Amino acid sequence: MLQTQVTIGDKGLVGPAWWELTLAGPDLGLQAGQFLLVRCDTLWSCYLRRPIFPQPQADGNLRLLLRPDPDPGLAWLAARQPGETLEVIGPLGTGFTLPAEPHNLLLISDSQFLSPLLGLVDAALAAGYSVTLALGASRASALFPITRLPPAVEFHAATLDGSLGRRGPVTQLLPELLRWADQVCAVGSTRLYRAIKAAAAQVRFARPEGFAYGLITDLPLACGVGACLGCAIETSTGIRLACTAGPVFDLAALTFEA
């Protein structure tokens, strides 16, 4: 873990309300699913860093996706321009890992914080995996642009208004996709994770450990070192802290209890 600075190299609009920032700096060895705490110098938020989940690149740089957010710290971050520097701490937490042998990999999300999955796409394709990405959103314009994906990725979509893919939540795609998958990596809501566990139990007649992993996005990752206890989560082996034991967890171990 380092406290260092990264420089915004490029910034571009990659889709409706999707900003992409390239962050250049020392090679932090960030894994997909690990996070950085960035200092956001706004009037009310400068004392509380914001967790960000950049996508590691082969050249050592990081790519960060941002969408409009009511949080003043993230709004400040989205307004930064090329050449500006950011103070970050990291990498923090435990990210996604891929088995040594190539598998059929299913990536699924109903969240805007899907940068870690895009990082897995590159790593999995390079290792010879077959990769399927399934995304869900309220409408087509809220989805990450399909044109930004490598041609080798099989893509599925579900939108609540039916403007792209199947009408309804992305969870309705699970029974079909889980039959094909050897491993699942997800970024999304608790509802999505519950559905993955339930569908896996029906399709595979069990909830096998080491099959489906999810990144917890709905708990505060304020300190990154387990000091504040704000990210405590209930698991089958007791209370764990998402900022140190996670934020990526085996979904078989999560109980989703308050």
C-alpha atoms as a PDB file:
ATOM      1  CA  MET A   1       0.000   0.000   0.000  1.00  0.00           C
ATOM      2  CA  LEU A   2       1.332   3.404  -1.039  1.00  0.00           C
ATOM      3  CA  GLN A   3       0.310   7.011  -0.669  1.00  0.00           C
ATOM      4  CA  THR A   4       1.227   8.550  -3.974  1.00  0.00           C
ATOM      5  CA  GLN A   5       0.041  10.732  -6.827  1.00  0.00           C
ATOM      6  CA  VAL A   6      -1.364   9.828 -10.214  1.00  0.00           C
ATOM      7  CA  THR A   7      -1.796  12.143 -13.168  1.00  0.00           C
ATOM      8  CA  ILE A   8      -4.857  12.322 -15.394  1.00  0.00           C
ATOM      9  CA  GLY A   9      -3.441  11.596 -18.827  1.00  0.00           C
ATOM     10  CA  ASP A  10      -6.561  11.439 -20.965  1.00  0.00           C
ATOM     11  CA  LYS A  11     -10.239  12.122 -20.443  1.00  0.00           C
ATOM     12  CA  GLY A  12     -12.999  11.301 -22.842  1.00  0.00           C
ATOM     13  CA  LEU A  13     -16.710  10.657 -23.156  1.00  0.00           C
ATOM     14  CA  VAL A  14     -17.154   6.990 -24.120  1.00  0.00           C
ATOM     15  CA  GLY A  15     -20.940   6.936 -24.033  1.00  0.00           C
ATOM     16  CA  PRO A  16     -23.930   8.841 -22.700  1.00  0.00           C
ATOM     17  CA  ALA A  17     -22.774  10.147 -19.312  1.00  0.00           C
ATOM     18  CA  TRP A  18     -19.802   7.739 -19.197  1.00  0.00           C
ATOM     19  CA  TRP A  19     -16.494   9.536 -18.614  1.00  0.00           C
ATOM     20  CA  GLU A  20     -13.220   7.635 -18.931  1.00  0.00           C
ATOM     21  CA  LEU A  21     -10.063   8.870 -17.199  1.00  0.00           C
ATOM     22  CA  THR A  22      -6.595   7.435 -17.753  1.00  0.00           C
ATOM     23  CA  LEU A  23      -4.472   7.629 -14.608  1.00  0.00           C
ATOM     24  CA  ALA A  24      -0.693   7.520 -14.975  1.00  0.00           C
ATOM     25  CA  GLY A  25       1.720   7.050 -12.110  1.00  0.00           C
ATOM     26  CA  PRO A  26       3.786   4.410 -10.345  1.00  0.00           C
ATOM     27  CA  ASP A  27       2.798   0.816 -11.021  1.00  0.00           C
ATOM     28  CA  LEU A  28       0.707  -0.036  -7.966  1.00  0.00           C
ATOM     29  CA  GLY A  29       0.151  -3.669  -8.907  1.00  0.00           C
ATOM     30  CA  LEU A  30      -3.595  -3.156  -8.635  1.00  0.00           C
ATOM     31  CA  GLN A  31      -5.792  -6.219  -9.206  1.00  0.00           C
ATOM     32  CA  ALA A  32      -9.267  -5.965 -10.656  1.00  0.00           C
ATOM     33  CA  GLY A  33     -11.589  -5.484  -7.684  1.00  0.00           C
ATOM     34  CA  GLN A  34      -9.067  -3.795  -5.427  1.00  0.00           C
ATOM     35  CA  PHE A  35      -9.614  -0.113  -4.746  1.00  0.00           C
ATOM     36  CA  LEU A  36      -7.843   3.175  -4.178  1.00  0.00           C
ATOM     37  CA  LEU A  37      -8.806   5.927  -1.767  1.00  0.00           C
ATOM     38  CA  VAL A  38      -8.602   9.266  -3.572  1.00  0.00           C
ATOM     39  CA  ARG A  39      -8.509  12.679  -1.924  1.00  0.00           C
ATOM     40  CA  CYS A  40     -11.304  14.865  -3.291  1.00  0.00           C
ATOM     41  CA  ASP A  41     -10.615  18.497  -2.499  1.00  0.00           C
ATOM     42  CA  THR A  42     -14.106  19.871  -2.114  1.00  0.00           C
ATOM     43  CA  LEU A  43     -15.242  22.131   0.705  1.00  0.00           C
ATOM     44  CA  TRP A  44     -17.072  19.414   2.632  1.00  0.00           C
ATOM     45  CA  SER A  45     -15.311  16.239   1.514  1.00  0.00           C
ATOM     46  CA  CYS A  46     -11.569  16.911   1.667  1.00  0.00           C
ATOM     47  CA  TYR A  47     -11.203  14.978   4.920  1.00  0.00           C
ATOM     48  CA  LEU A  48     -12.903  11.819   3.677  1.00  0.00           C
ATOM     49  CA  ARG A  49     -11.335  10.012   0.755  1.00  0.00           C
ATOM     50  CA  ARG A  50     -13.529   8.295  -1.809  1.00  0.00           C
ATOM     51  CA  PRO A  51     -13.023   4.669  -2.888  1.00  0.00           C
ATOM     52  CA  ILE A  52     -12.526   4.210  -6.619  1.00  0.00           C
ATOM     53  CA  PHE A  53     -12.154   0.978  -8.580  1.00  0.00           C
ATOM     54  CA  PRO A  54      -9.921   1.607 -11.595  1.00  0.00           C
ATOM     55  CA  GLN A  55      -9.276  -0.919 -14.326  1.00  0.00           C
ATOM     56  CA  PRO A  56      -5.621  -2.016 -14.517  1.00  0.00           C
ATOM     57  CA  GLN A  57      -4.032  -1.737 -17.965  1.00  0.00           C
ATOM     58  CA  ALA A  58      -1.218  -3.759 -19.520  1.00  0.00           C
ATOM     59  CA  ASP A  59       1.027  -0.663 -19.651  1.00  0.00           C
ATOM     60  CA  GLY A  60       0.729  -0.087 -15.891  1.00  0.00           C
ATOM     61  CA  ASN A  61      -1.719   2.783 -16.211  1.00  0.00           C
ATOM     62  CA  LEU A  62      -5.220   2.704 -14.760  1.00  0.00           C
ATOM     63  CA  ARG A  63      -8.530   3.411 -16.446  1.00  0.00           C
ATOM     64  CA  LEU A  64     -11.398   4.827 -14.414  1.00  0.00           C
ATOM     65  CA  LEU A  65     -15.040   5.041 -15.470  1.00  0.00           C
ATOM     66  CA  LEU A  66     -17.255   7.699 -13.905  1.00  0.00           C
ATOM     67  CA  ARG A  67     -20.907   8.584 -14.211  1.00  0.00           C
ATOM     68  CA  PRO A  68     -22.809  11.559 -12.762  1.00  0.00           C
ATOM     69  CA  ASP A  69     -23.117  11.106  -9.014  1.00  0.00           C
ATOM     70  CA  PRO A  70     -24.764  13.256  -6.320  1.00  0.00           C
ATOM     71  CA  ASP A  71     -21.792  12.666  -4.033  1.00  0.00           C
ATOM     72  CA  PRO A  72     -19.813  15.954  -4.011  1.00  0.00           C
ATOM     73  CA  GLY A  73     -16.485  14.154  -3.874  1.00  0.00           C
ATOM     74  CA  LEU A  74     -17.191  12.023  -6.936  1.00  0.00           C
ATOM     75  CA  ALA A  75     -18.676  15.024  -8.741  1.00  0.00           C
ATOM     76  CA  TRP A  76     -15.416  16.878  -8.071  1.00  0.00           C
ATOM     77  CA  LEU A  77     -13.444  13.912  -9.402  1.00  0.00           C
ATOM     78  CA  ALA A  78     -15.517  13.767 -12.592  1.00  0.00           C
ATOM     79  CA  ALA A  79     -14.711  17.435 -13.243  1.00  0.00           C
ATOM     80  CA  ARG A  80     -10.930  16.926 -13.214  1.00  0.00           C
ATOM     81  CA  GLN A  81      -9.033  17.563 -16.452  1.00  0.00           C
ATOM     82  CA  PRO A  82      -5.944  16.083 -18.154  1.00  0.00           C
ATOM     83  CA  GLY A  83      -2.713  17.176 -16.497  1.00  0.00           C
ATOM     84  CA  GLU A  84      -4.201  17.436 -13.016  1.00  0.00           C
ATOM     85  CA  THR A  85      -2.907  15.170 -10.270  1.00  0.00           C
ATOM     86  CA  LEU A  86      -4.776  13.103  -7.711  1.00  0.00           C
ATOM     87  CA  GLU A  87      -3.517  11.926  -4.354  1.00  0.00           C
ATOM     88  CA  VAL A  88      -4.357   8.267  -3.775  1.00  0.00           C
ATOM     89  CA  ILE A  89      -3.722   5.519  -1.247  1.00  0.00           C
ATOM     90  CA  GLY A  90      -3.648   1.887  -2.294  1.00  0.00           C
ATOM     91  CA  PRO A  91      -4.072  -0.693  -3.531  1.00  0.00           C
ATOM     92  CA  LEU A  92      -6.482  -1.794  -0.825  1.00  0.00           C
ATOM     93  CA  GLY A  93      -8.601  -4.883  -0.259  1.00  0.00           C
ATOM     94  CA  THR A  94      -8.777  -8.225  -2.005  1.00  0.00           C
ATOM     95  CA  GLY A  95      -9.735  -8.345  -5.667  1.00  0.00           C
ATOM     96  CA  PHE A  96     -10.883 -10.954  -8.149  1.00  0.00           C
ATOM     97  CA  THR A  97      -8.650 -13.896  -9.018  1.00  0.00           C
ATOM     98  CA  LEU A  98      -8.896 -16.224 -11.993  1.00  0.00           C
ATOM     99  CA  PRO A  99      -8.083 -19.947 -11.899  1.00  0.00           C
ATOM    100  CA  ALA A 100      -4.852 -20.996 -13.549  1.00  0.00           C
ATOM    101  CA  GLU A 101      -6.687 -23.147 -16.114  1.00  0.00           C
ATOM    102  CA  PRO A 102      -8.875 -21.366 -18.701  1.00  0.00           C
ATOM    103  CA  HIS A 103     -12.595 -21.537 -17.966  1.00  0.00           C
ATOM    104  CA  ASN A 104     -15.876 -20.229 -19.265  1.00  0.00           C
ATOM    105  CA  LEU A 105     -16.108 -16.948 -17.383  1.00  0.00           C
ATOM    106  CA  LEU A 106     -19.374 -15.099 -16.783  1.00  0.00           C
ATOM    107  CA  LEU A 107     -19.158 -11.435 -15.806  1.00  0.00           C
ATOM    108  CA  ILE A 108     -22.396  -9.806 -14.709  1.00  0.00           C
ATOM    109  CA  SER A 109     -23.378  -6.401 -13.350  1.00  0.00           C
ATOM    110  CA  ASP A 110     -26.354  -4.175 -12.642  1.00  0.00           C
ATOM    111  CA  SER A 111     -24.138  -1.356 -11.327  1.00  0.00           C
ATOM    112  CA  GLN A 112     -22.298   1.625 -12.754  1.00  0.00           C
ATOM    113  CA  PHE A 113     -19.141   0.573 -10.876  1.00  0.00           C
ATOM    114  CA  LEU A 114     -18.193  -2.120 -13.376  1.00  0.00           C
ATOM    115  CA  SER A 115     -14.587  -1.106 -14.104  1.00  0.00           C
ATOM    116  CA  PRO A 116     -13.222  -4.197 -12.271  1.00  0.00           C
ATOM    117  CA  LEU A 117     -15.145  -6.474 -14.647  1.00  0.00           C
ATOM    118  CA  LEU A 118     -13.687  -4.699 -17.668  1.00  0.00           C
ATOM    119  CA  GLY A 119     -10.240  -5.325 -16.191  1.00  0.00           C
ATOM    120  CA  LEU A 120     -11.099  -9.020 -15.905  1.00  0.00           C
ATOM    121  CA  VAL A 121     -12.143  -9.076 -19.562  1.00  0.00           C
ATOM    122  CA  ASP A 122      -8.631  -8.187 -20.706  1.00  0.00           C
ATOM    123  CA  ALA A 123      -6.916 -10.599 -18.299  1.00  0.00           C
ATOM    124  CA  ALA A 124      -9.254 -13.489 -19.088  1.00  0.00           C
ATOM    125  CA  LEU A 125      -9.019 -13.137 -22.865  1.00  0.00           C
ATOM    126  CA  ALA A 126      -5.231 -12.975 -22.649  1.00  0.00           C
ATOM    127  CA  ALA A 127      -5.264 -16.218 -20.620  1.00  0.00           C
ATOM    128  CA  GLY A 128      -7.487 -18.029 -23.131  1.00  0.00           C
ATOM    129  CA  TYR A 129     -10.832 -17.864 -21.329  1.00  0.00           C
ATOM    130  CA  SER A 130     -14.204 -17.737 -23.041  1.00  0.00           C
ATOM    131  CA  VAL A 131     -15.838 -14.585 -21.688  1.00  0.00           C
ATOM    132  CA  THR A 132     -19.491 -13.585 -21.507  1.00  0.00           C
ATOM    133  CA  LEU A 133     -20.554 -10.201 -20.139  1.00  0.00           C
ATOM    134  CA  ALA A 134     -24.151  -9.596 -19.027  1.00  0.00           C
ATOM    135  CA  LEU A 135     -25.251  -6.095 -18.056  1.00  0.00           C
ATOM    136  CA  GLY A 136     -28.504  -4.728 -16.731  1.00  0.00           C
ATOM    137  CA  ALA A 137     -29.802  -1.172 -16.458  1.00  0.00           C
ATOM    138  CA  SER A 138     -32.986   0.854 -16.584  1.00  0.00           C
ATOM    139  CA  ARG A 139     -32.527   1.724 -20.273  1.00  0.00           C
ATOM    140  CA  ALA A 140     -30.042   1.271 -23.112  1.00  0.00           C
ATOM    141  CA  SER A 141     -28.410   4.691 -22.662  1.00  0.00           C
ATOM    142  CA  ALA A 142     -27.445   3.763 -19.083  1.00  0.00           C
ATOM    143  CA  LEU A 143     -25.467   0.702 -20.194  1.00  0.00           C
ATOM    144  CA  PHE A 144     -21.740   0.695 -20.810  1.00  0.00           C
ATOM    145  CA  PRO A 145     -21.247   1.063 -24.585  1.00  0.00           C
ATOM    146  CA  ILE A 146     -21.086  -2.313 -26.291  1.00  0.00           C
ATOM    147  CA  THR A 147     -18.746  -0.932 -28.950  1.00  0.00           C
ATOM    148  CA  ARG A 148     -16.052  -0.542 -26.282  1.00  0.00           C
ATOM    149  CA  LEU A 149     -15.867  -4.303 -25.712  1.00  0.00           C
ATOM    150  CA  PRO A 150     -13.437  -6.628 -27.515  1.00  0.00           C
ATOM    151  CA  PRO A 151     -15.109  -8.609 -30.325  1.00  0.00           C
ATOM    152  CA  ALA A 152     -14.300 -11.895 -28.556  1.00  0.00           C
ATOM    153  CA  VAL A 153     -16.667 -11.083 -25.675  1.00  0.00           C
ATOM    154  CA  GLU A 154     -20.174 -12.513 -25.893  1.00  0.00           C
ATOM    155  CA  PHE A 155     -22.563  -9.791 -24.712  1.00  0.00           C
ATOM    156  CA  HIS A 156     -26.036 -10.021 -23.174  1.00  0.00           C
ATOM    157  CA  ALA A 157     -28.188  -7.140 -21.955  1.00  0.00           C
ATOM    158  CA  ALA A 158     -31.395  -6.627 -20.032  1.00  0.00           C
ATOM    159  CA  THR A 159     -33.131  -3.277 -19.659  1.00  0.00           C
ATOM    160  CA  LEU A 160     -36.194  -2.466 -17.598  1.00  0.00           C
ATOM    161  CA  ASP A 161     -37.797  -0.569 -20.478  1.00  0.00           C
ATOM    162  CA  GLY A 162     -36.856  -3.156 -23.117  1.00  0.00           C
ATOM    163  CA  SER A 163     -34.796  -0.678 -25.145  1.00  0.00           C
ATOM    164  CA  LEU A 164     -31.903  -3.165 -25.454  1.00  0.00           C
ATOM    165  CA  GLY A 165     -31.788  -6.897 -24.910  1.00  0.00           C
ATOM    166  CA  ARG A 166     -34.390  -8.649 -22.808  1.00  0.00           C
ATOM    167  CA  ARG A 167     -37.001  -6.568 -21.000  1.00  0.00           C
ATOM    168  CA  GLY A 168     -36.621  -6.729 -17.225  1.00  0.00           C
ATOM    169  CA  PRO A 169     -33.782  -7.111 -14.730  1.00  0.00           C
ATOM    170  CA  VAL A 170     -30.527  -8.811 -15.646  1.00  0.00           C
ATOM    171  CA  THR A 171     -31.276 -11.527 -13.075  1.00  0.00           C
ATOM    172  CA  GLN A 172     -33.690 -13.181 -15.533  1.00  0.00           C
ATOM    173  CA  LEU A 173     -30.683 -14.139 -17.680  1.00  0.00           C
ATOM    174  CA  LEU A 174     -29.089 -16.156 -14.877  1.00  0.00           C
ATOM    175  CA  PRO A 175     -30.658 -19.620 -15.373  1.00  0.00           C
ATOM    176  CA  GLU A 176     -29.431 -19.795 -18.961  1.00  0.00           C
ATOM    177  CA  LEU A 177     -25.997 -18.259 -18.425  1.00  0.00           C
ATOM    178  CA  LEU A 178     -25.103 -20.140 -15.240  1.00  0.00           C
ATOM    179  CA  ARG A 179     -25.410 -23.485 -17.044  1.00  0.00           C
ATOM    180  CA  TRP A 180     -22.541 -22.431 -19.277  1.00  0.00           C
ATOM    181  CA  ALA A 181     -20.310 -20.733 -16.724  1.00  0.00           C
ATOM    182  CA  ASP A 182     -17.449 -22.322 -14.823  1.00  0.00           C
ATOM    183  CA  GLN A 183     -16.914 -19.183 -12.766  1.00  0.00           C
ATOM    184  CA  VAL A 184     -18.930 -16.031 -12.132  1.00  0.00           C
ATOM    185  CA  CYS A 185     -17.621 -12.589 -11.194  1.00  0.00           C
ATOM    186  CA  ALA A 186     -20.211  -9.936 -10.413  1.00  0.00           C
ATOM    187  CA  VAL A 187     -20.415  -6.284  -9.453  1.00  0.00           C
ATOM    188  CA  GLY A 188     -23.809  -5.119  -8.337  1.00  0.00           C
ATOM    189  CA  SER A 189     -26.582  -5.008  -5.824  1.00  0.00           C
ATOM    190  CA  THR A 190     -27.436  -7.334  -2.972  1.00  0.00           C
ATOM    191  CA  ARG A 191     -30.510  -8.322  -4.997  1.00  0.00           C
ATOM    192  CA  LEU A 192     -28.254  -9.503  -7.810  1.00  0.00           C
ATOM    193  CA  TYR A 193     -26.084 -11.520  -5.439  1.00  0.00           C
ATOM    194  CA  ARG A 194     -29.091 -13.176  -3.816  1.00  0.00           C
ATOM    195  CA  ALA A 195     -30.378 -14.103  -7.265  1.00  0.00           C
ATOM    196  CA  ILE A 196     -27.024 -15.582  -8.313  1.00  0.00           C
ATOM    197  CA  LYS A 197     -26.951 -17.779  -5.200  1.00  0.00           C
ATOM    198  CA  ALA A 198     -30.531 -18.922  -5.711  1.00  0.00           C
ATOM    199  CA  ALA A 199     -30.082 -19.628  -9.432  1.00  0.00           C
ATOM    200  CA  ALA A 200     -26.824 -21.496  -8.814  1.00  0.00           C
ATOM    201  CA  ALA A 201     -28.592 -23.712  -6.284  1.00  0.00           C
ATOM    202  CA  GLN A 202     -31.290 -24.583  -8.845  1.00  0.00           C
ATOM    203  CA  VAL A 203     -29.089 -24.968 -11.902  1.00  0.00           C
ATOM    204  CA  ARG A 204     -26.187 -26.720 -10.202  1.00  0.00           C
ATOM    205  CA  PHE A 205     -28.146 -28.389  -7.393  1.00  0.00           C
ATOM    206  CA  ALA A 206     -25.819 -26.796  -4.843  1.00  0.00           C
ATOM    207  CA  ARG A 207     -24.138 -23.545  -3.885  1.00  0.00           C
ATOM    208  CA  PRO A 208     -20.559 -24.527  -4.542  1.00  0.00           C
ATOM    209  CA  GLU A 209     -17.760 -22.570  -3.001  1.00  0.00           C
ATOM    210  CA  GLY A 210     -15.373 -21.048  -5.473  1.00  0.00           C
ATOM    211  CA  PHE A 211     -18.014 -20.623  -8.174  1.00  0.00           C
ATOM    212  CA  ALA A 212     -19.460 -17.106  -7.858  1.00  0.00           C
ATOM    213  CA  TYR A 213     -17.737 -14.004  -6.527  1.00  0.00           C
ATOM    214  CA  GLY A 214     -19.176 -10.549  -5.945  1.00  0.00           C
ATOM    215  CA  LEU A 215     -17.735  -7.132  -5.202  1.00  0.00           C
ATOM    216  CA  ILE A 216     -19.554  -5.412  -2.344  1.00  0.00           C
ATOM    217  CA  THR A 217     -20.466  -1.881  -3.463  1.00  0.00           C
ATOM    218  CA  ASP A 218     -23.142  -0.880  -0.940  1.00  0.00           C
ATOM    219  CA  LEU A 219     -20.959  -0.635   2.186  1.00  0.00           C
ATOM    220  CA  PRO A 220     -18.784   2.373   3.065  1.00  0.00           C
ATOM    221  CA  LEU A 221     -15.071   1.806   2.459  1.00  0.00           C
ATOM    222  CA  ALA A 222     -14.003   4.834   4.443  1.00  0.00           C
ATOM    223  CA  CYS A 223     -10.633   3.950   5.977  1.00  0.00           C
ATOM    224  CA  GLY A 224      -9.426   1.009   3.890  1.00  0.00           C
ATOM    225  CA  VAL A 225      -7.600  -0.660   6.790  1.00  0.00           C
ATOM    226  CA  GLY A 226     -10.389  -1.977   9.021  1.00  0.00           C
ATOM    227  CA  ALA A 227     -10.128   0.739  11.652  1.00  0.00           C
ATOM    228  CA  CYS A 228     -13.575   2.344  11.403  1.00  0.00           C
ATOM    229  CA  LEU A 229     -15.576  -0.945  11.236  1.00  0.00           C
ATOM    230  CA  GLY A 230     -18.075   0.741   8.917  1.00  0.00           C
ATOM    231  CA  CYS A 231     -17.854  -2.022   6.297  1.00  0.00           C
ATOM    232  CA  ALA A 232     -18.591  -5.008   8.539  1.00  0.00           C
ATOM    233  CA  ILE A 233     -20.476  -7.768   6.753  1.00  0.00           C
ATOM    234  CA  GLU A 234     -21.968 -11.030   7.975  1.00  0.00           C
ATOM    235  CA  THR A 235     -20.514 -14.221   6.480  1.00  0.00           C
ATOM    236  CA  SER A 236     -20.875 -17.907   7.223  1.00  0.00           C
ATOM    237  CA  THR A 237     -17.652 -17.742   9.243  1.00  0.00           C
ATOM    238  CA  GLY A 238     -18.561 -14.596  11.189  1.00  0.00           C
ATOM    239  CA  ILE A 239     -18.202 -10.856  10.763  1.00  0.00           C
ATOM    240  CA  ARG A 240     -15.665  -9.748   8.172  1.00  0.00           C
ATOM    241  CA  LEU A 241     -14.547  -6.313   7.036  1.00  0.00           C
ATOM    242  CA  ALA A 242     -15.112  -5.593   3.363  1.00  0.00           C
ATOM    243  CA  CYS A 243     -12.134  -3.239   3.098  1.00  0.00           C
ATOM    244  CA  THR A 244      -9.637  -5.922   4.148  1.00  0.00           C
ATOM    245  CA  ALA A 245     -11.227  -9.374   3.700  1.00  0.00           C
ATOM    246  CA  GLY A 246     -13.000  -8.081   0.571  1.00  0.00           C
ATOM    247  CA  PRO A 247     -14.479  -6.146  -1.089  1.00  0.00           C
ATOM    248  CA  VAL A 248     -14.623  -9.264  -3.301  1.00  0.00           C
ATOM    249  CA  PHE A 249     -16.244 -12.217  -1.528  1.00  0.00           C
ATOM    250  CA  ASP A 250     -17.220 -15.737  -2.438  1.00  0.00           C
ATOM    251  CA  LEU A 251     -21.008 -15.417  -2.634  1.00  0.00           C
ATOM    252  CA  ALA A 252     -21.400 -18.860  -1.056  1.00  0.00           C
ATOM    253  CA  ALA A 253     -20.017 -17.374   2.185  1.00  0.00           C
ATOM    254  CA  LEU A 254     -22.351 -14.365   2.345  1.00  0.00           C
ATOM    255  CA  THR A 255     -25.526 -14.584   4.397  1.00  0.00           C
ATOM    256  CA  PHE A 256     -26.903 -11.116   3.498  1.00  0.00           C
ATOM    257  CA  GLU A 257     -28.119 -10.666   7.065  1.00  0.00           C
ATOM    258  CA  ALA A 258     -28.166  -7.278   8.768  1.00  0.00           C
END
